[in-house]
Amino acid sequence: MRLVPIENVKPNTVLGKSLYDINGRILLRAGVVLRENTIAKIRGINILSIYIVDKYSNEEIEDIIKPELRQKAIITIKEAFSNIGRLNNSNSVRNKESDYTWQEQSYFYNIGKMAVNLIDDILNRRDIMLALVDIRSMNNYMYSHSVNVAVISLTIGIALQLPKKKLEALCIGALIHDIGKSLIPRDIIDKHGILSEEEKEILRQHPRLGYKYLSSTYNINSLSKLIVLQHHERPDGNGYPDGLAKDNIIELSNIVSIANVYDNLSTDLPDKRAMFPSDVLEYLMSNAGTMFDYNIVNIFCRIVIPYPKGTIVELSTEEVAVVEETTPGFPLRPTVRVIESPRVSRIGMKVDLIKEISIVITGVKYEIN
């Protein structure tokens, strides 16, 4: 199966991955044949891309976590963020832990439990390579983004061989890294288009607002709280809110910073389509040591799979091919099978891009002749 923008989906296409509504209920099950009116309804609920099955890509792309666990995690974050935003405002002051309502404490408890479940689910996998396969409605974007950042962060943390207690702190911090946004006016959070300078400055306060909100609760590890505060800091000192640099930023915050940017850049938004996978990795690598921790970027680029099996790609040879295998450590050089070529004799040929160094992937193709 392969991920296709909704505008490129044709009638009679087979749905590859089930679609869920904002509350985690199944809207359409995988295997359904999509009609024109169904495609229009999917577009109407702000789902911008879906997985399809066709003759070139009929193998399932396995998510790094179970689909049902992903949906539970999204719901857990949604309940916490939406209700915390309702119960509080950015001017509230916490003097002691007892100022938190029992509802808020239960949200933190549930997030901690979810973090343990996510860690156990990922650690039970034989191969920990990252190929994100969630399908998002923009109505649920912030919550699914939080879960994705947690999953990406955990794969990096496991690659770094962090102990389980640190993985828990990392996962919780990643799940709630944007909790400060629940304390910012919704008209700013939900605004489409360019924010004013005043609105940008308000939005840039979300790390400090989140940290201040969490500062008195015993249910959140101090490392997780620092992730909330520092996830927009940069090694070169040009981040925010405090302009910290290098050794003043904890390792876990550097991990979440990379995961946060990768997920944002590789996700379709109403006013910004996802960047080409190789461009996202090149962006991270070109900014390693300035915007991002150099060593963590190197680790990340070894475990990410920007072109999952079944992706249809365009090659520099003016050929079209389907990705069949990705080699760990070489994310941009998969093995592909040629399906369209000016030379008929090359159709069906397998090409290992690690060996064929003169050939590069130039694009992802969504419509096949």
Protein backbone atom coordinates (compact mmCIF):
# COMPACT_ATOMS: atom_id res chain seq x y z
CA MET A 1 0.00 0.00 0.00
CA ARG A 2 1.04 3.59 -0.41
CA LEU A 3 0.12 7.02 0.92
CA VAL A 4 -1.66 9.22 -1.62
CA PRO A 5 -3.00 12.81 -1.32
CA ILE A 6 -6.80 12.71 -1.29
CA GLU A 7 -7.01 14.79 -4.50
CA ASN A 8 -5.13 12.02 -6.33
CA VAL A 9 -7.43 9.22 -5.19
CA LYS A 10 -9.61 7.87 -8.00
CA PRO A 11 -13.03 6.18 -7.67
CA ASN A 12 -12.89 2.38 -7.23
CA THR A 13 -9.61 2.63 -5.30
CA VAL A 14 -9.23 0.19 -2.38
CA LEU A 15 -8.63 1.77 1.05
CA GLY A 16 -5.42 0.43 2.62
CA LYS A 17 -5.71 1.66 6.22
CA SER A 18 -8.84 2.18 8.31
CA LEU A 19 -9.98 5.77 8.90
CA TYR A 20 -10.99 7.02 12.34
CA ASP A 21 -13.07 9.98 13.48
CA ILE A 22 -11.98 12.58 16.02
CA ASN A 23 -13.10 10.30 18.87
CA GLY A 24 -11.20 7.24 17.67
CA ARG A 25 -14.19 5.42 16.16
CA ILE A 26 -13.75 3.66 12.83
CA LEU A 27 -15.27 5.59 9.94
CA LEU A 28 -14.16 3.31 7.10
CA ARG A 29 -12.43 -0.04 7.39
CA ALA A 30 -9.44 -1.06 5.33
CA GLY A 31 -10.47 -2.95 2.19
CA VAL A 32 -13.45 -0.74 1.34
CA VAL A 33 -13.75 0.25 -2.33
CA LEU A 34 -13.96 4.03 -2.42
CA ARG A 35 -16.67 5.69 -4.50
CA GLU A 36 -16.66 9.28 -5.65
CA ASN A 37 -19.04 10.44 -2.91
CA THR A 38 -16.99 8.62 -0.23
CA ILE A 39 -13.80 10.32 -1.39
CA ALA A 40 -15.60 13.69 -1.19
CA LYS A 41 -16.71 12.93 2.40
CA ILE A 42 -13.14 12.02 3.41
CA ARG A 43 -11.95 15.32 1.99
CA GLY A 44 -14.79 17.05 3.85
CA ILE A 45 -13.55 15.88 7.26
CA ASN A 46 -10.09 17.32 6.58
CA ILE A 47 -8.22 14.07 5.94
CA LEU A 48 -5.65 15.14 3.37
CA SER A 49 -3.97 11.78 2.55
CA ILE A 50 -4.97 8.11 2.76
CA TYR A 51 -3.35 4.72 2.20
CA ILE A 52 -4.49 2.78 -0.86
CA VAL A 53 -3.86 -0.70 -2.21
CA ASP A 54 -3.14 -1.30 -5.89
CA LYS A 55 -1.35 -3.83 -8.09
CA TYR A 56 2.00 -2.18 -7.44
CA SER A 57 1.71 -1.86 -3.67
CA ASN A 58 -0.51 -4.50 -2.11
CA GLU A 59 1.67 -5.32 0.92
CA GLU A 60 0.69 -3.87 4.28
CA ILE A 61 2.92 -1.21 5.79
CA GLU A 62 3.15 -2.09 9.46
CA ASP A 63 2.96 0.77 11.92
CA ILE A 64 5.61 0.77 14.64
CA ILE A 65 2.79 0.68 17.22
CA LYS A 66 -0.54 -1.16 17.11
CA PRO A 67 -3.31 0.91 15.43
CA GLU A 68 -5.64 0.51 18.42
CA LEU A 69 -2.89 1.71 20.79
CA ARG A 70 -2.27 4.75 18.58
CA GLN A 71 -5.97 5.66 18.72
CA LYS A 72 -6.07 5.22 22.51
CA ALA A 73 -3.01 7.43 22.86
CA ILE A 74 -4.58 10.16 20.69
CA ILE A 75 -7.78 10.06 22.75
CA THR A 76 -5.78 10.20 26.02
CA ILE A 77 -3.93 13.34 24.86
CA LYS A 78 -7.10 14.90 23.47
CA GLU A 79 -8.97 14.44 26.75
CA ALA A 80 -6.08 15.86 28.76
CA PHE A 81 -5.36 18.89 26.57
CA SER A 82 -8.95 19.90 25.86
CA ASN A 83 -10.05 19.62 29.49
CA ILE A 84 -6.93 21.25 30.93
CA GLY A 85 -7.51 24.14 28.56
CA ARG A 86 -11.08 24.39 29.78
CA LEU A 87 -10.18 24.18 33.46
CA ASN A 88 -7.32 26.67 33.29
CA ASN A 89 -6.12 29.83 31.60
CA SER A 90 -2.66 31.24 30.97
CA ASN A 91 -2.89 33.53 33.98
CA SER A 92 -3.58 30.82 36.55
CA VAL A 93 -0.98 30.37 39.28
CA ARG A 94 -0.17 27.08 40.99
CA ASN A 95 1.28 27.38 44.47
CA LYS A 96 1.22 23.73 45.42
CA GLU A 97 0.30 20.29 44.09
CA SER A 98 -3.06 20.34 45.87
CA ASP A 99 -4.15 23.18 43.55
CA TYR A 100 -4.59 20.58 40.79
CA THR A 101 -8.06 19.09 40.47
CA TRP A 102 -8.55 15.34 40.73
CA GLN A 103 -9.45 15.42 37.03
CA GLU A 104 -6.10 16.91 36.08
CA GLN A 105 -4.20 14.44 38.24
CA SER A 106 -6.09 11.59 36.55
CA TYR A 107 -5.04 12.92 33.12
CA PHE A 108 -1.38 12.89 34.17
CA TYR A 109 -1.78 9.39 35.55
CA ASN A 110 -3.33 8.17 32.29
CA ILE A 111 -0.58 9.79 30.24
CA GLY A 112 2.02 8.00 32.38
CA LYS A 113 0.29 4.67 31.84
CA MET A 114 0.06 5.31 28.11
CA ALA A 115 3.79 6.06 27.97
CA VAL A 116 4.56 2.67 29.52
CA ASN A 117 2.25 0.95 27.02
CA LEU A 118 3.91 2.69 24.07
CA ILE A 119 7.39 1.77 25.28
CA ASP A 120 6.45 -1.88 25.82
CA ASP A 121 4.78 -2.10 22.42
CA ILE A 122 7.82 -0.69 20.59
CA LEU A 123 10.34 -2.73 22.59
CA ASN A 124 8.45 -5.91 21.68
CA ARG A 125 9.22 -5.32 18.00
CA ARG A 126 12.07 -7.26 16.43
CA ASP A 127 13.24 -4.43 14.18
CA ILE A 128 12.85 -0.84 15.29
CA MET A 129 12.81 1.16 12.07
CA LEU A 130 10.56 4.18 11.75
CA ALA A 131 7.94 4.33 9.01
CA LEU A 132 5.02 6.42 10.23
CA VAL A 133 1.72 5.29 8.78
CA ASP A 134 -0.94 7.21 10.67
CA ILE A 135 -3.65 9.07 8.75
CA ARG A 136 -4.70 12.33 10.33
CA SER A 137 -7.70 14.54 10.27
CA MET A 138 -6.66 18.15 10.68
CA ASN A 139 -9.43 18.37 13.31
CA ASN A 140 -7.26 16.09 15.47
CA TYR A 141 -3.86 17.38 14.38
CA MET A 142 -2.34 18.55 17.67
CA TYR A 143 -3.19 15.30 19.46
CA SER A 144 -1.99 12.93 16.73
CA HIS A 145 1.13 15.11 16.36
CA SER A 146 1.87 14.65 20.07
CA VAL A 147 1.63 10.86 19.72
CA ASN A 148 3.82 10.84 16.62
CA VAL A 149 6.47 12.95 18.34
CA ALA A 150 6.44 10.47 21.23
CA VAL A 151 6.84 7.47 18.89
CA ILE A 152 9.65 9.13 16.94
CA SER A 153 11.38 10.18 20.16
CA LEU A 154 11.16 6.65 21.56
CA THR A 155 12.74 5.11 18.47
CA ILE A 156 15.63 7.56 18.81
CA GLY A 157 15.90 6.91 22.54
CA ILE A 158 16.00 3.16 22.01
CA ALA A 159 18.67 3.57 19.32
CA LEU A 160 20.66 5.60 21.87
CA GLN A 161 20.19 2.70 24.34
CA LEU A 162 18.61 4.89 26.99
CA PRO A 163 17.53 3.04 30.17
CA LYS A 164 13.80 2.40 30.56
CA LYS A 165 13.28 5.08 33.22
CA LYS A 166 14.71 7.69 30.87
CA LEU A 167 12.55 6.33 28.04
CA GLU A 168 9.50 6.85 30.25
CA ALA A 169 10.51 10.45 31.00
CA LEU A 170 11.21 10.97 27.27
CA CYS A 171 7.86 9.54 26.19
CA ILE A 172 5.82 11.50 28.73
CA GLY A 173 7.64 14.72 27.87
CA ALA A 174 7.08 14.12 24.16
CA LEU A 175 3.37 13.34 24.66
CA ILE A 176 2.83 16.60 26.55
CA HIS A 177 5.45 18.80 24.85
CA ASP A 178 2.71 21.06 23.47
CA ILE A 179 0.54 21.14 26.61
CA GLY A 180 1.17 24.89 26.86
CA LYS A 181 -0.84 25.35 23.65
CA SER A 182 -3.95 24.27 25.56
CA LEU A 183 -3.49 27.45 27.63
CA ILE A 184 -3.33 29.75 24.58
CA PRO A 185 -6.50 31.25 23.01
CA ARG A 186 -8.03 28.82 20.52
CA ASP A 187 -8.38 31.47 17.82
CA ILE A 188 -4.58 31.62 17.62
CA ILE A 189 -4.06 27.84 17.75
CA ASP A 190 -6.74 27.17 15.11
CA LYS A 191 -5.90 30.08 12.81
CA HIS A 192 -5.17 29.15 9.18
CA GLY A 193 -2.70 31.32 7.35
CA ILE A 194 -0.03 33.70 8.62
CA LEU A 195 -0.05 34.78 12.26
CA SER A 196 0.57 38.40 13.17
CA GLU A 197 3.80 39.23 15.03
CA GLU A 198 1.80 39.62 18.25
CA GLU A 199 0.15 36.21 17.72
CA LYS A 200 3.52 34.61 16.98
CA GLU A 201 4.92 35.98 20.24
CA ILE A 202 1.94 34.61 22.18
CA LEU A 203 2.40 31.20 20.53
CA ARG A 204 6.12 31.22 21.36
CA GLN A 205 5.18 31.35 25.03
CA HIS A 206 3.70 27.84 25.00
CA PRO A 207 6.86 26.07 26.30
CA ARG A 208 7.05 28.37 29.33
CA LEU A 209 3.30 28.26 29.92
CA GLY A 210 3.36 24.47 29.82
CA TYR A 211 6.35 24.26 32.17
CA LYS A 212 4.80 26.74 34.60
CA TYR A 213 1.54 24.81 34.57
CA LEU A 214 3.33 21.51 35.30
CA SER A 215 5.86 22.87 37.76
CA SER A 216 3.98 21.93 40.93
CA THR A 217 2.62 18.48 40.07
CA TYR A 218 4.38 15.40 41.46
CA ASN A 219 2.84 13.19 38.75
CA ILE A 220 5.27 14.40 36.07
CA ASN A 221 9.01 13.63 36.16
CA SER A 222 11.30 16.68 36.31
CA LEU A 223 13.00 15.57 33.05
CA SER A 224 9.62 15.47 31.30
CA LYS A 225 8.89 19.00 32.52
CA LEU A 226 12.22 20.19 31.11
CA ILE A 227 11.32 18.68 27.73
CA VAL A 228 8.15 20.80 27.74
CA LEU A 229 10.24 23.90 28.49
CA GLN A 230 13.17 23.20 26.14
CA HIS A 231 11.79 21.48 23.04
CA HIS A 232 12.21 24.67 20.95
CA GLU A 233 15.73 25.46 22.20
CA ARG A 234 18.66 25.10 19.77
CA PRO A 235 22.33 24.12 20.24
CA ASP A 236 23.41 27.43 18.63
CA GLY A 237 21.46 29.44 21.23
CA ASN A 238 18.89 30.82 18.77
CA GLY A 239 15.92 28.87 20.10
CA TYR A 240 13.24 29.88 22.59
CA PRO A 241 12.01 30.64 25.22
CA ASP A 242 15.39 31.09 26.96
CA GLY A 243 17.98 31.00 24.16
CA LEU A 244 19.80 28.09 25.78
CA ALA A 245 22.79 26.54 24.00
CA LYS A 246 24.49 23.14 23.77
CA ASP A 247 25.20 21.69 27.23
CA ASN A 248 22.40 23.72 28.85
CA ILE A 249 19.82 21.73 26.88
CA ILE A 250 19.20 18.21 28.17
CA GLU A 251 19.58 15.27 25.78
CA LEU A 252 15.91 14.33 25.98
CA SER A 253 14.87 17.83 24.87
CA ASN A 254 17.23 17.59 21.88
CA ILE A 255 15.57 14.29 20.91
CA VAL A 256 12.06 15.75 21.09
CA SER A 257 13.16 18.84 19.14
CA ILE A 258 14.21 16.65 16.19
CA ALA A 259 11.09 14.47 16.41
CA ASN A 260 8.88 17.56 16.55
CA VAL A 261 10.39 19.16 13.44
CA TYR A 262 10.47 15.89 11.47
CA ASP A 263 6.78 15.23 12.12
CA ASN A 264 5.75 18.80 11.28
CA LEU A 265 7.70 18.89 8.02
CA SER A 266 6.56 15.44 6.85
CA THR A 267 2.84 16.08 7.49
CA ASP A 268 0.25 17.55 5.15
CA LEU A 269 -1.46 20.69 6.45
CA PRO A 270 -4.28 22.71 4.85
CA ASP A 271 -1.91 25.58 3.97
CA LYS A 272 1.32 23.56 3.60
CA ARG A 273 1.87 20.20 1.98
CA ALA A 274 4.40 17.77 3.40
CA MET A 275 8.00 18.14 2.27
CA PHE A 276 9.54 15.47 0.08
CA PRO A 277 11.07 12.81 2.43
CA SER A 278 14.65 13.29 1.26
CA ASP A 279 14.24 17.06 1.69
CA VAL A 280 13.17 16.60 5.33
CA LEU A 281 16.23 14.47 6.08
CA GLU A 282 18.51 16.87 4.22
CA TYR A 283 17.02 19.75 6.22
CA LEU A 284 17.83 17.96 9.47
CA MET A 285 21.33 16.99 8.33
CA SER A 286 22.16 20.47 7.00
CA ASN A 287 21.14 22.02 10.32
CA ALA A 288 22.85 19.42 12.54
CA GLY A 289 25.04 21.21 15.06
CA THR A 290 23.11 24.48 14.82
CA MET A 291 19.37 23.87 15.09
CA PHE A 292 19.70 20.21 16.11
CA ASP A 293 22.11 18.05 18.07
CA TYR A 294 24.60 16.62 15.57
CA ASN A 295 24.93 13.11 17.05
CA ILE A 296 21.19 12.63 17.50
CA VAL A 297 20.50 13.66 13.88
CA ASN A 298 23.02 11.03 12.73
CA ILE A 299 21.30 8.35 14.81
CA PHE A 300 17.87 9.41 13.55
CA CYS A 301 18.88 9.25 9.89
CA ARG A 302 19.87 5.61 10.35
CA ILE A 303 16.50 4.46 11.69
CA VAL A 304 13.97 6.43 9.66
CA ILE A 305 12.32 4.99 6.55
CA PRO A 306 11.25 7.92 4.34
CA TYR A 307 10.20 5.61 1.50
CA PRO A 308 8.20 2.69 2.96
CA LYS A 309 7.76 -0.50 0.94
CA GLY A 310 5.17 0.11 -1.79
CA THR A 311 6.02 3.79 -2.36
CA ILE A 312 6.02 4.69 -6.06
CA VAL A 313 9.04 6.86 -6.87
CA GLU A 314 10.46 8.69 -9.87
CA LEU A 315 14.13 8.12 -10.68
CA SER A 316 16.75 10.35 -12.25
CA THR A 317 16.75 7.89 -15.19
CA GLU A 318 13.22 9.12 -16.09
CA GLU A 319 11.87 5.79 -14.85
CA VAL A 320 9.15 5.00 -12.33
CA ALA A 321 9.75 2.31 -9.70
CA VAL A 322 8.17 0.78 -6.61
CA VAL A 323 10.17 0.55 -3.38
CA GLU A 324 10.70 -3.08 -2.35
CA GLU A 325 13.28 -2.92 0.45
CA THR A 326 15.08 -0.39 2.63
CA THR A 327 18.53 -1.08 4.08
CA PRO A 328 19.16 0.21 7.65
CA GLY A 329 21.58 3.11 7.61
CA PHE A 330 20.77 4.10 4.01
CA PRO A 331 17.28 5.66 4.19
CA LEU A 332 17.47 7.42 0.81
CA ARG A 333 18.87 4.44 -1.12
CA PRO A 334 16.23 1.66 -1.15
CA THR A 335 16.01 -1.29 -3.53
CA VAL A 336 13.34 -0.57 -6.16
CA ARG A 337 11.63 -2.43 -8.99
CA VAL A 338 11.18 -0.55 -12.28
CA ILE A 339 7.54 -0.42 -13.44
CA GLU A 340 7.77 2.27 -16.16
CA SER A 341 10.78 2.96 -18.37
CA PRO A 342 11.64 4.38 -21.80
CA ARG A 343 13.51 1.08 -22.27
CA VAL A 344 11.08 -1.85 -22.18
CA SER A 345 13.89 -4.26 -21.27
CA ARG A 346 14.28 -2.55 -17.87
CA ILE A 347 10.65 -2.97 -16.79
CA GLY A 348 10.56 -5.44 -13.89
CA MET A 349 14.28 -4.99 -13.17
CA LYS A 350 15.38 -4.59 -9.55
CA VAL A 351 17.75 -1.71 -8.85
CA ASP A 352 19.74 -1.44 -5.61
CA LEU A 353 20.32 2.28 -5.21
CA ILE A 354 23.16 1.64 -2.74
CA LYS A 355 25.10 0.06 -5.61
CA GLU A 356 23.75 2.22 -8.42
CA ILE A 357 25.10 5.47 -6.99
CA SER A 358 24.48 7.46 -10.16
CA ILE A 359 20.71 6.95 -9.83
CA VAL A 360 18.72 9.00 -7.31
CA ILE A 361 15.06 9.32 -6.36
CA THR A 362 13.71 12.61 -7.69
CA GLY A 363 10.09 12.45 -6.55
CA VAL A 364 7.14 10.44 -5.30
CA LYS A 365 4.52 9.54 -7.93
CA TYR A 366 0.86 9.24 -6.94
CA GLU A 367 -0.86 8.50 -10.25
CA ILE A 368 0.23 5.51 -12.35
CA ASN A 369 -0.65 5.06 -16.02
